[in-house]
Amino acid sequence: MEQKYLGKIVKAEFGTHRDRPFLMGLQFEFRFGDNSGVTCGGRHLINISNECKWDSEEEKNLAYQRVLKDLAFILKEAKVNIVSELVGKPIEITIENQMYKEFRILTEVL
């Protein structure tokens, strides 16, 4: 079952995952509803390990590009220049089967 909530970004980082340094990308924490919270669960991370086996160099490059394009899109939607400025931005978050699915910046209120 899919549910949508209004909330805000309470944590936004770009870098390697603290517990899994082979993963790199955007990491978010959100608050919504009656002070419920959720993280993005690694949905915006990519494996940067040299041991990661890609089918091709092109596939690897496309994956890296996707991470940067996603970052650029989110920053543009939020009308900010750096990741730390995303904290406090209003969002609509989608939860499916009690797990984070996606979010969007509420551009209509910025």
PDB file of N, CA and C in Angstrom:
ATOM      1  N   MET A   1       0.840  -1.174   0.000  1.00  0.00           N
ATOM      2  CA  MET A   1       0.000   0.000   0.000  1.00  0.00           C
ATOM      3  C   MET A   1       0.890   1.244   0.000  1.00  0.00           C
ATOM      4  N   GLU A   2       0.583   2.153  -0.884  1.00  0.00           N
ATOM      5  CA  GLU A   2       1.378   3.372  -1.040  1.00  0.00           C
ATOM      6  C   GLU A   2       0.711   4.522  -0.292  1.00  0.00           C
ATOM      7  N   GLN A   3       1.540   5.265   0.486  1.00  0.00           N
ATOM      8  CA  GLN A   3       1.044   6.419   1.221  1.00  0.00           C
ATOM      9  C   GLN A   3       1.969   7.597   0.975  1.00  0.00           C
ATOM     10  N   LYS A   4       1.381   8.795   0.886  1.00  0.00           N
ATOM     11  CA  LYS A   4       2.165  10.018   0.686  1.00  0.00           C
ATOM     12  C   LYS A   4       1.999  10.908   1.909  1.00  0.00           C
ATOM     13  N   TYR A   5       3.115  11.529   2.304  1.00  0.00           N
ATOM     14  CA  TYR A   5       3.126  12.407   3.466  1.00  0.00           C
ATOM     15  C   TYR A   5       3.885  13.680   3.136  1.00  0.00           C
ATOM     16  N   LEU A   6       3.526  14.752   3.817  1.00  0.00           N
ATOM     17  CA  LEU A   6       4.295  15.989   3.749  1.00  0.00           C
ATOM     18  C   LEU A   6       5.311  15.964   4.877  1.00  0.00           C
ATOM     19  N   GLY A   7       6.502  16.469   4.596  1.00  0.00           N
ATOM     20  CA  GLY A   7       7.543  16.472   5.611  1.00  0.00           C
ATOM     21  C   GLY A   7       8.679  17.376   5.213  1.00  0.00           C
ATOM     22  N   LYS A   8       9.856  17.072   5.754  1.00  0.00           N
ATOM     23  CA  LYS A   8      11.034  17.853   5.392  1.00  0.00           C
ATOM     24  C   LYS A   8      12.284  16.994   5.494  1.00  0.00           C
ATOM     25  N   ILE A   9      13.318  17.458   4.844  1.00  0.00           N
ATOM     26  CA  ILE A   9      14.621  16.804   4.905  1.00  0.00           C
ATOM     27  C   ILE A   9      15.294  17.260   6.194  1.00  0.00           C
ATOM     28  N   VAL A  10      15.733  16.304   7.014  1.00  0.00           N
ATOM     29  CA  VAL A  10      16.421  16.664   8.257  1.00  0.00           C
ATOM     30  C   VAL A  10      17.910  16.340   8.199  1.00  0.00           C
ATOM     31  N   LYS A  11      18.306  15.563   7.196  1.00  0.00           N
ATOM     32  CA  LYS A  11      19.723  15.250   7.012  1.00  0.00           C
ATOM     33  C   LYS A  11      19.959  15.013   5.530  1.00  0.00           C
ATOM     34  N   ALA A  12      21.014  15.619   4.999  1.00  0.00           N
ATOM     35  CA  ALA A  12      21.369  15.453   3.589  1.00  0.00           C
ATOM     36  C   ALA A  12      22.886  15.446   3.487  1.00  0.00           C
ATOM     37  N   GLU A  13      23.428  14.355   2.963  1.00  0.00           N
ATOM     38  CA  GLU A  13      24.878  14.214   2.831  1.00  0.00           C
ATOM     39  C   GLU A  13      25.216  13.625   1.471  1.00  0.00           C
ATOM     40  N   PHE A  14      26.395  13.968   0.980  1.00  0.00           N
ATOM     41  CA  PHE A  14      26.932  13.330  -0.221  1.00  0.00           C
ATOM     42  C   PHE A  14      28.327  12.846   0.136  1.00  0.00           C
ATOM     43  N   GLY A  15      28.560  11.572  -0.068  1.00  0.00           N
ATOM     44  CA  GLY A  15      29.866  10.997   0.250  1.00  0.00           C
ATOM     45  C   GLY A  15      29.752   9.496   0.365  1.00  0.00           C
ATOM     46  N   THR A  16      30.732   8.893   1.020  1.00  0.00           N
ATOM     47  CA  THR A  16      30.696   7.446   1.197  1.00  0.00           C
ATOM     48  C   THR A  16      29.863   7.101   2.426  1.00  0.00           C
ATOM     49  N   HIS A  17      29.257   5.936   2.380  1.00  0.00           N
ATOM     50  CA  HIS A  17      28.435   5.442   3.481  1.00  0.00           C
ATOM     51  C   HIS A  17      29.344   5.119   4.661  1.00  0.00           C
ATOM     52  N   ARG A  18      28.957   5.562   5.840  1.00  0.00           N
ATOM     53  CA  ARG A  18      29.777   5.403   7.040  1.00  0.00           C
ATOM     54  C   ARG A  18      30.133   3.936   7.313  1.00  0.00           C
ATOM     55  N   ASP A  19      29.173   3.037   7.192  1.00  0.00           N
ATOM     56  CA  ASP A  19      29.399   1.621   7.496  1.00  0.00           C
ATOM     57  C   ASP A  19      29.781   0.789   6.280  1.00  0.00           C
ATOM     58  N   ARG A  20      29.625   1.343   5.113  1.00  0.00           N
ATOM     59  CA  ARG A  20      29.943   0.629   3.866  1.00  0.00           C
ATOM     60  C   ARG A  20      30.681   1.585   2.938  1.00  0.00           C
ATOM     61  N   PRO A  21      31.990   1.766   3.148  1.00  0.00           N
ATOM     62  CA  PRO A  21      32.743   2.786   2.408  1.00  0.00           C
ATOM     63  C   PRO A  21      32.848   2.540   0.904  1.00  0.00           C
ATOM     64  N   PHE A  22      32.406   1.393   0.437  1.00  0.00           N
ATOM     65  CA  PHE A  22      32.407   1.121  -1.001  1.00  0.00           C
ATOM     66  C   PHE A  22      31.160   1.690  -1.680  1.00  0.00           C
ATOM     67  N   LEU A  23      30.230   2.240  -0.889  1.00  0.00           N
ATOM     68  CA  LEU A  23      29.031   2.876  -1.433  1.00  0.00           C
ATOM     69  C   LEU A  23      29.168   4.386  -1.325  1.00  0.00           C
ATOM     70  N   MET A  24      28.818   5.084  -2.407  1.00  0.00           N
ATOM     71  CA  MET A  24      28.948   6.537  -2.429  1.00  0.00           C
ATOM     72  C   MET A  24      27.730   7.163  -3.099  1.00  0.00           C
ATOM     73  N   GLY A  25      27.337   8.319  -2.599  1.00  0.00           N
ATOM     74  CA  GLY A  25      26.230   9.042  -3.203  1.00  0.00           C
ATOM     75  C   GLY A  25      25.482   9.866  -2.185  1.00  0.00           C
ATOM     76  N   LEU A  26      24.222  10.129  -2.480  1.00  0.00           N
ATOM     77  CA  LEU A  26      23.357  10.920  -1.610  1.00  0.00           C
ATOM     78  C   LEU A  26      22.763  10.056  -0.515  1.00  0.00           C
ATOM     79  N   GLN A  27      22.707  10.629   0.683  1.00  0.00           N
ATOM     80  CA  GLN A  27      22.066   9.960   1.806  1.00  0.00           C
ATOM     81  C   GLN A  27      21.142  10.973   2.477  1.00  0.00           C
ATOM     82  N   PHE A  28      19.890  10.581   2.665  1.00  0.00           N
ATOM     83  CA  PHE A  28      18.878  11.470   3.229  1.00  0.00           C
ATOM     84  C   PHE A  28      18.226  10.860   4.452  1.00  0.00           C
ATOM     85  N   GLU A  29      17.771  11.752   5.329  1.00  0.00           N
ATOM     86  CA  GLU A  29      16.876  11.380   6.416  1.00  0.00           C
ATOM     87  C   GLU A  29      15.714  12.360   6.370  1.00  0.00           C
ATOM     88  N   PHE A  30      14.498  11.830   6.512  1.00  0.00           N
ATOM     89  CA  PHE A  30      13.282  12.631   6.401  1.00  0.00           C
ATOM     90  C   PHE A  30      12.455  12.524   7.679  1.00  0.00           C
ATOM     91  N   ARG A  31      11.687  13.579   7.976  1.00  0.00           N
ATOM     92  CA  ARG A  31      10.671  13.571   9.025  1.00  0.00           C
ATOM     93  C   ARG A  31       9.353  13.938   8.352  1.00  0.00           C
ATOM     94  N   PHE A  32       8.281  13.267   8.790  1.00  0.00           N
ATOM     95  CA  PHE A  32       6.977  13.505   8.178  1.00  0.00           C
ATOM     96  C   PHE A  32       5.877  13.070   9.135  1.00  0.00           C
ATOM     97  N   GLY A  33       4.655  13.466   8.806  1.00  0.00           N
ATOM     98  CA  GLY A  33       3.499  13.061   9.608  1.00  0.00           C
ATOM     99  C   GLY A  33       3.646  13.476  11.058  1.00  0.00           C
ATOM    100  N   ASP A  34       3.324  12.576  11.960  1.00  0.00           N
ATOM    101  CA  ASP A  34       3.415  12.834  13.403  1.00  0.00           C
ATOM    102  C   ASP A  34       4.825  12.578  13.907  1.00  0.00           C
ATOM    103  N   ASN A  35       5.798  13.251  13.307  1.00  0.00           N
ATOM    104  CA  ASN A  35       7.217  13.132  13.646  1.00  0.00           C
ATOM    105  C   ASN A  35       7.783  11.740  13.344  1.00  0.00           C
ATOM    106  N   SER A  36       7.193  11.058  12.372  1.00  0.00           N
ATOM    107  CA  SER A  36       7.773   9.802  11.898  1.00  0.00           C
ATOM    108  C   SER A  36       9.023  10.128  11.102  1.00  0.00           C
ATOM    109  N   GLY A  37       9.923   9.178  11.004  1.00  0.00           N
ATOM    110  CA  GLY A  37      11.147   9.413  10.254  1.00  0.00           C
ATOM    111  C   GLY A  37      11.585   8.187   9.488  1.00  0.00           C
ATOM    112  N   VAL A  38      12.358   8.432   8.447  1.00  0.00           N
ATOM    113  CA  VAL A  38      12.887   7.346   7.627  1.00  0.00           C
ATOM    114  C   VAL A  38      14.123   7.862   6.901  1.00  0.00           C
ATOM    115  N   THR A  39      15.032   6.948   6.583  1.00  0.00           N
ATOM    116  CA  THR A  39      16.168   7.300   5.729  1.00  0.00           C
ATOM    117  C   THR A  39      15.877   6.789   4.327  1.00  0.00           C
ATOM    118  N   CYS A  40      16.712   7.172   3.393  1.00  0.00           N
ATOM    119  CA  CYS A  40      16.499   6.763   2.001  1.00  0.00           C
ATOM    120  C   CYS A  40      16.944   5.323   1.751  1.00  0.00           C
ATOM    121  N   GLY A  41      17.549   4.684   2.727  1.00  0.00           N
ATOM    122  CA  GLY A  41      17.878   3.269   2.615  1.00  0.00           C
ATOM    123  C   GLY A  41      18.880   2.927   1.531  1.00  0.00           C
ATOM    124  N   GLY A  42      19.738   3.851   1.189  1.00  0.00           N
ATOM    125  CA  GLY A  42      20.765   3.570   0.188  1.00  0.00           C
ATOM    126  C   GLY A  42      20.293   3.643  -1.249  1.00  0.00           C
ATOM    127  N   ARG A  43      19.079   4.106  -1.453  1.00  0.00           N
ATOM    128  CA  ARG A  43      18.518   4.158  -2.808  1.00  0.00           C
ATOM    129  C   ARG A  43      19.285   5.078  -3.748  1.00  0.00           C
ATOM    130  N   HIS A  44      20.029   6.034  -3.191  1.00  0.00           N
ATOM    131  CA  HIS A  44      20.753   7.008  -4.010  1.00  0.00           C
ATOM    132  C   HIS A  44      22.269   6.776  -3.966  1.00  0.00           C
ATOM    133  N   LEU A  45      22.672   5.534  -3.657  1.00  0.00           N
ATOM    134  CA  LEU A  45      24.093   5.191  -3.555  1.00  0.00           C
ATOM    135  C   LEU A  45      24.522   4.307  -4.717  1.00  0.00           C
ATOM    136  N   ILE A  46      25.830   4.297  -4.974  1.00  0.00           N
ATOM    137  CA  ILE A  46      26.403   3.464  -6.030  1.00  0.00           C
ATOM    138  C   ILE A  46      27.656   2.785  -5.492  1.00  0.00           C
ATOM    139  N   ASN A  47      27.917   1.582  -5.960  1.00  0.00           N
ATOM    140  CA  ASN A  47      29.108   0.837  -5.548  1.00  0.00           C
ATOM    141  C   ASN A  47      30.315   1.373  -6.313  1.00  0.00           C
ATOM    142  N   ILE A  48      31.292   1.927  -5.575  1.00  0.00           N
ATOM    143  CA  ILE A  48      32.486   2.504  -6.208  1.00  0.00           C
ATOM    144  C   ILE A  48      33.724   1.633  -6.018  1.00  0.00           C
ATOM    145  N   SER A  49      33.543   0.444  -5.460  1.00  0.00           N
ATOM    146  CA  SER A  49      34.678  -0.444  -5.203  1.00  0.00           C
ATOM    147  C   SER A  49      35.330  -0.901  -6.504  1.00  0.00           C
ATOM    148  N   ASN A  50      36.651  -1.005  -6.492  1.00  0.00           N
ATOM    149  CA  ASN A  50      37.368  -1.552  -7.650  1.00  0.00           C
ATOM    150  C   ASN A  50      37.011  -3.012  -7.880  1.00  0.00           C
ATOM    151  N   GLU A  51      36.530  -3.682  -6.839  1.00  0.00           N
ATOM    152  CA  GLU A  51      36.133  -5.090  -6.960  1.00  0.00           C
ATOM    153  C   GLU A  51      34.730  -5.265  -7.535  1.00  0.00           C
ATOM    154  N   CYS A  52      33.986  -4.182  -7.652  1.00  0.00           N
ATOM    155  CA  CYS A  52      32.638  -4.266  -8.211  1.00  0.00           C
ATOM    156  C   CYS A  52      32.730  -4.661  -9.683  1.00  0.00           C
ATOM    157  N   LYS A  53      32.008  -5.683 -10.056  1.00  0.00           N
ATOM    158  CA  LYS A  53      32.042  -6.200 -11.430  1.00  0.00           C
ATOM    159  C   LYS A  53      30.885  -5.611 -12.242  1.00  0.00           C
ATOM    160  N   TRP A  54      31.228  -4.727 -13.153  1.00  0.00           N
ATOM    161  CA  TRP A  54      30.251  -4.142 -14.066  1.00  0.00           C
ATOM    162  C   TRP A  54      30.271  -4.945 -15.361  1.00  0.00           C
ATOM    163  N   ASP A  55      29.146  -4.996 -16.052  1.00  0.00           N
ATOM    164  CA  ASP A  55      29.099  -5.694 -17.337  1.00  0.00           C
ATOM    165  C   ASP A  55      29.984  -5.009 -18.366  1.00  0.00           C
ATOM    166  N   SER A  56      30.105  -3.683 -18.245  1.00  0.00           N
ATOM    167  CA  SER A  56      30.948  -2.930 -19.172  1.00  0.00           C
ATOM    168  C   SER A  56      31.348  -1.608 -18.522  1.00  0.00           C
ATOM    169  N   GLU A  57      32.357  -0.985 -19.072  1.00  0.00           N
ATOM    170  CA  GLU A  57      32.775   0.335 -18.596  1.00  0.00           C
ATOM    171  C   GLU A  57      31.658   1.357 -18.852  1.00  0.00           C
ATOM    172  N   GLU A  58      30.945   1.172 -19.943  1.00  0.00           N
ATOM    173  CA  GLU A  58      29.828   2.071 -20.262  1.00  0.00           C
ATOM    174  C   GLU A  58      28.733   1.983 -19.198  1.00  0.00           C
ATOM    175  N   GLU A  59      28.406   0.763 -18.765  1.00  0.00           N
ATOM    176  CA  GLU A  59      27.394   0.589 -17.723  1.00  0.00           C
ATOM    177  C   GLU A  59      27.829   1.302 -16.436  1.00  0.00           C
ATOM    178  N   LYS A  60      29.092   1.160 -16.077  1.00  0.00           N
ATOM    179  CA  LYS A  60      29.636   1.818 -14.887  1.00  0.00           C
ATOM    180  C   LYS A  60      29.528   3.337 -15.021  1.00  0.00           C
ATOM    181  N   ASN A  61      29.948   3.872 -16.157  1.00  0.00           N
ATOM    182  CA  ASN A  61      29.900   5.317 -16.377  1.00  0.00           C
ATOM    183  C   ASN A  61      28.467   5.850 -16.344  1.00  0.00           C
ATOM    184  N   LEU A  62      27.533   5.095 -16.905  1.00  0.00           N
ATOM    185  CA  LEU A  62      26.131   5.511 -16.882  1.00  0.00           C
ATOM    186  C   LEU A  62      25.592   5.545 -15.455  1.00  0.00           C
ATOM    187  N   ALA A  63      25.990   4.586 -14.641  1.00  0.00           N
ATOM    188  CA  ALA A  63      25.560   4.558 -13.241  1.00  0.00           C
ATOM    189  C   ALA A  63      26.106   5.763 -12.479  1.00  0.00           C
ATOM    190  N   TYR A  64      27.384   6.082 -12.696  1.00  0.00           N
ATOM    191  CA  TYR A  64      27.986   7.254 -12.057  1.00  0.00           C
ATOM    192  C   TYR A  64      27.272   8.530 -12.524  1.00  0.00           C
ATOM    193  N   GLN A  65      26.988   8.616 -13.812  1.00  0.00           N
ATOM    194  CA  GLN A  65      26.300   9.791 -14.354  1.00  0.00           C
ATOM    195  C   GLN A  65      24.914   9.950 -13.740  1.00  0.00           C
ATOM    196  N   ARG A  66      24.213   8.841 -13.547  1.00  0.00           N
ATOM    197  CA  ARG A  66      22.867   8.885 -12.973  1.00  0.00           C
ATOM    198  C   ARG A  66      22.902   9.507 -11.574  1.00  0.00           C
ATOM    199  N   VAL A  67      23.898   9.132 -10.772  1.00  0.00           N
ATOM    200  CA  VAL A  67      24.020   9.690  -9.423  1.00  0.00           C
ATOM    201  C   VAL A  67      24.187  11.204  -9.484  1.00  0.00           C
ATOM    202  N   LEU A  68      25.055  11.666 -10.376  1.00  0.00           N
ATOM    203  CA  LEU A  68      25.292  13.110 -10.483  1.00  0.00           C
ATOM    204  C   LEU A  68      24.099  13.844 -11.088  1.00  0.00           C
ATOM    205  N   LYS A  69      23.428  13.228 -12.056  1.00  0.00           N
ATOM    206  CA  LYS A  69      22.237  13.855 -12.640  1.00  0.00           C
ATOM    207  C   LYS A  69      21.117  13.957 -11.611  1.00  0.00           C
ATOM    208  N   ASP A  70      20.944  12.898 -10.798  1.00  0.00           N
ATOM    209  CA  ASP A  70      19.942  12.940  -9.730  1.00  0.00           C
ATOM    210  C   ASP A  70      20.254  14.061  -8.747  1.00  0.00           C
ATOM    211  N   LEU A  71      21.525  14.180  -8.369  1.00  0.00           N
ATOM    212  CA  LEU A  71      21.945  15.239  -7.454  1.00  0.00           C
ATOM    213  C   LEU A  71      21.654  16.614  -8.053  1.00  0.00           C
ATOM    214  N   ALA A  72      22.040  16.820  -9.302  1.00  0.00           N
ATOM    215  CA  ALA A  72      21.819  18.110  -9.962  1.00  0.00           C
ATOM    216  C   ALA A  72      20.327  18.446 -10.024  1.00  0.00           C
ATOM    217  N   PHE A  73      19.492  17.457 -10.321  1.00  0.00           N
ATOM    218  CA  PHE A  73      18.046  17.671 -10.401  1.00  0.00           C
ATOM    219  C   PHE A  73      17.480  18.086  -9.045  1.00  0.00           C
ATOM    220  N   ILE A  74      17.866  17.375  -7.991  1.00  0.00           N
ATOM    221  CA  ILE A  74      17.364  17.678  -6.651  1.00  0.00           C
ATOM    222  C   ILE A  74      17.789  19.081  -6.218  1.00  0.00           C
ATOM    223  N   LEU A  75      19.059  19.422  -6.449  1.00  0.00           N
ATOM    224  CA  LEU A  75      19.542  20.760  -6.083  1.00  0.00           C
ATOM    225  C   LEU A  75      18.777  21.847  -6.837  1.00  0.00           C
ATOM    226  N   LYS A  76      18.545  21.623  -8.122  1.00  0.00           N
ATOM    227  CA  LYS A  76      17.820  22.608  -8.936  1.00  0.00           C
ATOM    228  C   LYS A  76      16.382  22.768  -8.445  1.00  0.00           C
ATOM    229  N   GLU A  77      15.713  21.649  -8.187  1.00  0.00           N
ATOM    230  CA  GLU A  77      14.331  21.701  -7.707  1.00  0.00           C
ATOM    231  C   GLU A  77      14.234  22.456  -6.381  1.00  0.00           C
ATOM    232  N   ALA A  78      15.233  22.268  -5.524  1.00  0.00           N
ATOM    233  CA  ALA A  78      15.230  22.909  -4.207  1.00  0.00           C
ATOM    234  C   ALA A  78      15.755  24.343  -4.247  1.00  0.00           C
ATOM    235  N   LYS A  79      16.261  24.752  -5.400  1.00  0.00           N
ATOM    236  CA  LYS A  79      16.821  26.100  -5.583  1.00  0.00           C
ATOM    237  C   LYS A  79      17.990  26.362  -4.630  1.00  0.00           C
ATOM    238  N   VAL A  80      18.887  25.365  -4.541  1.00  0.00           N
ATOM    239  CA  VAL A  80      20.087  25.492  -3.714  1.00  0.00           C
ATOM    240  C   VAL A  80      21.298  25.064  -4.532  1.00  0.00           C
ATOM    241  N   ASN A  81      22.481  25.337  -3.998  1.00  0.00           N
ATOM    242  CA  ASN A  81      23.716  25.008  -4.704  1.00  0.00           C
ATOM    243  C   ASN A  81      24.502  23.870  -4.079  1.00  0.00           C
ATOM    244  N   ILE A  82      24.314  23.646  -2.790  1.00  0.00           N
ATOM    245  CA  ILE A  82      25.084  22.594  -2.115  1.00  0.00           C
ATOM    246  C   ILE A  82      24.148  21.695  -1.306  1.00  0.00           C
ATOM    247  N   VAL A  83      24.589  20.469  -1.089  1.00  0.00           N
ATOM    248  CA  VAL A  83      23.766  19.444  -0.451  1.00  0.00           C
ATOM    249  C   VAL A  83      23.304  19.869   0.941  1.00  0.00           C
ATOM    250  N   SER A  84      24.167  20.486   1.721  1.00  0.00           N
ATOM    251  CA  SER A  84      23.786  20.858   3.092  1.00  0.00           C
ATOM    252  C   SER A  84      22.613  21.839   3.117  1.00  0.00           C
ATOM    253  N   GLU A  85      22.406  22.581   2.043  1.00  0.00           N
ATOM    254  CA  GLU A  85      21.286  23.526   1.975  1.00  0.00           C
ATOM    255  C   GLU A  85      19.939  22.829   1.752  1.00  0.00           C
ATOM    256  N   LEU A  86      19.953  21.521   1.515  1.00  0.00           N
ATOM    257  CA  LEU A  86      18.709  20.773   1.360  1.00  0.00           C
ATOM    258  C   LEU A  86      18.003  20.552   2.699  1.00  0.00           C
ATOM    259  N   VAL A  87      18.755  20.604   3.797  1.00  0.00           N
ATOM    260  CA  VAL A  87      18.171  20.389   5.124  1.00  0.00           C
ATOM    261  C   VAL A  87      17.113  21.457   5.384  1.00  0.00           C
ATOM    262  N   GLY A  88      15.937  20.984   5.794  1.00  0.00           N
ATOM    263  CA  GLY A  88      14.819  21.877   6.075  1.00  0.00           C
ATOM    264  C   GLY A  88      13.880  22.094   4.907  1.00  0.00           C
ATOM    265  N   LYS A  89      14.254  21.637   3.722  1.00  0.00           N
ATOM    266  CA  LYS A  89      13.397  21.828   2.546  1.00  0.00           C
ATOM    267  C   LYS A  89      12.151  20.948   2.666  1.00  0.00           C
ATOM    268  N   PRO A  90      10.988  21.496   2.267  1.00  0.00           N
ATOM    269  CA  PRO A  90       9.745  20.732   2.332  1.00  0.00           C
ATOM    270  C   PRO A  90       9.689  19.671   1.233  1.00  0.00           C
ATOM    271  N   ILE A  91       9.147  18.521   1.601  1.00  0.00           N
ATOM    272  CA  ILE A  91       9.071  17.404   0.659  1.00  0.00           C
ATOM    273  C   ILE A  91       7.711  16.713   0.747  1.00  0.00           C
ATOM    274  N   GLU A  92       7.432  15.954  -0.293  1.00  0.00           N
ATOM    275  CA  GLU A  92       6.366  14.963  -0.266  1.00  0.00           C
ATOM    276  C   GLU A  92       7.077  13.628  -0.391  1.00  0.00           C
ATOM    277  N   ILE A  93       6.847  12.761   0.575  1.00  0.00           N
ATOM    278  CA  ILE A  93       7.529  11.468   0.586  1.00  0.00           C
ATOM    279  C   ILE A  93       6.512  10.364   0.346  1.00  0.00           C
ATOM    280  N   THR A  94       6.925   9.366  -0.421  1.00  0.00           N
ATOM    281  CA  THR A  94       6.075   8.216  -0.696  1.00  0.00           C
ATOM    282  C   THR A  94       6.631   7.018   0.052  1.00  0.00           C
ATOM    283  N   ILE A  95       5.762   6.390   0.843  1.00  0.00           N
ATOM    284  CA  ILE A  95       6.104   5.190   1.600  1.00  0.00           C
ATOM    285  C   ILE A  95       5.261   4.055   1.026  1.00  0.00           C
ATOM    286  N   GLU A  96       5.915   2.954   0.698  1.00  0.00           N
ATOM    287  CA  GLU A  96       5.208   1.797   0.150  1.00  0.00           C
ATOM    288  C   GLU A  96       5.565   0.578   0.980  1.00  0.00           C
ATOM    289  N   ASN A  97       4.537  -0.106   1.494  1.00  0.00           N
ATOM    290  CA  ASN A  97       4.754  -1.267   2.361  1.00  0.00           C
ATOM    291  C   ASN A  97       5.697  -0.929   3.510  1.00  0.00           C
ATOM    292  N   GLN A  98       5.479   0.223   4.106  1.00  0.00           N
ATOM    293  CA  GLN A  98       6.229   0.729   5.255  1.00  0.00           C
ATOM    294  C   GLN A  98       7.707   0.968   4.964  1.00  0.00           C
ATOM    295  N   MET A  99       8.048   1.179   3.692  1.00  0.00           N
ATOM    296  CA  MET A  99       9.428   1.455   3.302  1.00  0.00           C
ATOM    297  C   MET A  99       9.469   2.682   2.397  1.00  0.00           C
ATOM    298  N   TYR A 100      10.579   3.436   2.502  1.00  0.00           N
ATOM    299  CA  TYR A 100      10.792   4.595   1.636  1.00  0.00           C
ATOM    300  C   TYR A 100      10.778   4.164   0.175  1.00  0.00           C
ATOM    301  N   LYS A 101      10.041   4.893  -0.650  1.00  0.00           N
ATOM    302  CA  LYS A 101      10.022   4.638  -2.088  1.00  0.00           C
ATOM    303  C   LYS A 101      10.659   5.795  -2.842  1.00  0.00           C
ATOM    304  N   GLU A 102      10.202   7.025  -2.566  1.00  0.00           N
ATOM    305  CA  GLU A 102      10.720   8.192  -3.274  1.00  0.00           C
ATOM    306  C   GLU A 102      10.290   9.456  -2.547  1.00  0.00           C
ATOM    307  N   PHE A 103      10.865  10.566  -2.979  1.00  0.00           N
ATOM    308  CA  PHE A 103      10.443  11.855  -2.466  1.00  0.00           C
ATOM    309  C   PHE A 103      10.537  12.867  -3.588  1.00  0.00           C
ATOM    310  N   ARG A 104       9.878  13.988  -3.358  1.00  0.00           N
ATOM    311  CA  ARG A 104      10.025  15.113  -4.271  1.00  0.00           C
ATOM    312  C   ARG A 104      10.055  16.386  -3.446  1.00  0.00           C
ATOM    313  N   ILE A 105      10.813  17.346  -3.932  1.00  0.00           N
ATOM    314  CA  ILE A 105      10.855  18.662  -3.316  1.00  0.00           C
ATOM    315  C   ILE A 105       9.539  19.368  -3.627  1.00  0.00           C
ATOM    316  N   LEU A 106       8.935  19.994  -2.644  1.00  0.00           N
ATOM    317  CA  LEU A 106       7.692  20.736  -2.867  1.00  0.00           C
ATOM    318  C   LEU A 106       8.032  22.101  -3.462  1.00  0.00           C
ATOM    319  N   THR A 107       8.282  22.094  -4.759  1.00  0.00           N
ATOM    320  CA  THR A 107       8.694  23.320  -5.453  1.00  0.00           C
ATOM    321  C   THR A 107       7.620  24.401  -5.399  1.00  0.00           C
ATOM    322  N   GLU A 108       6.364  23.996  -5.266  1.00  0.00           N
ATOM    323  CA  GLU A 108       5.271  24.965  -5.270  1.00  0.00           C
ATOM    324  C   GLU A 108       5.247  25.842  -4.015  1.00  0.00           C
ATOM    325  N   VAL A 109       5.992  25.469  -2.976  1.00  0.00           N
ATOM    326  CA  VAL A 109       6.012  26.296  -1.763  1.00  0.00           C
ATOM    327  C   VAL A 109       7.365  26.971  -1.535  1.00  0.00           C
ATOM    328  N   LEU A 110       8.300  26.780  -2.443  1.00  0.00           N
ATOM    329  CA  LEU A 110       9.612  27.422  -2.286  1.00  0.00           C
ATOM    330  C   LEU A 110       9.578  28.845  -2.807  1.00  0.00           C
TER     331      LEU A 110
END
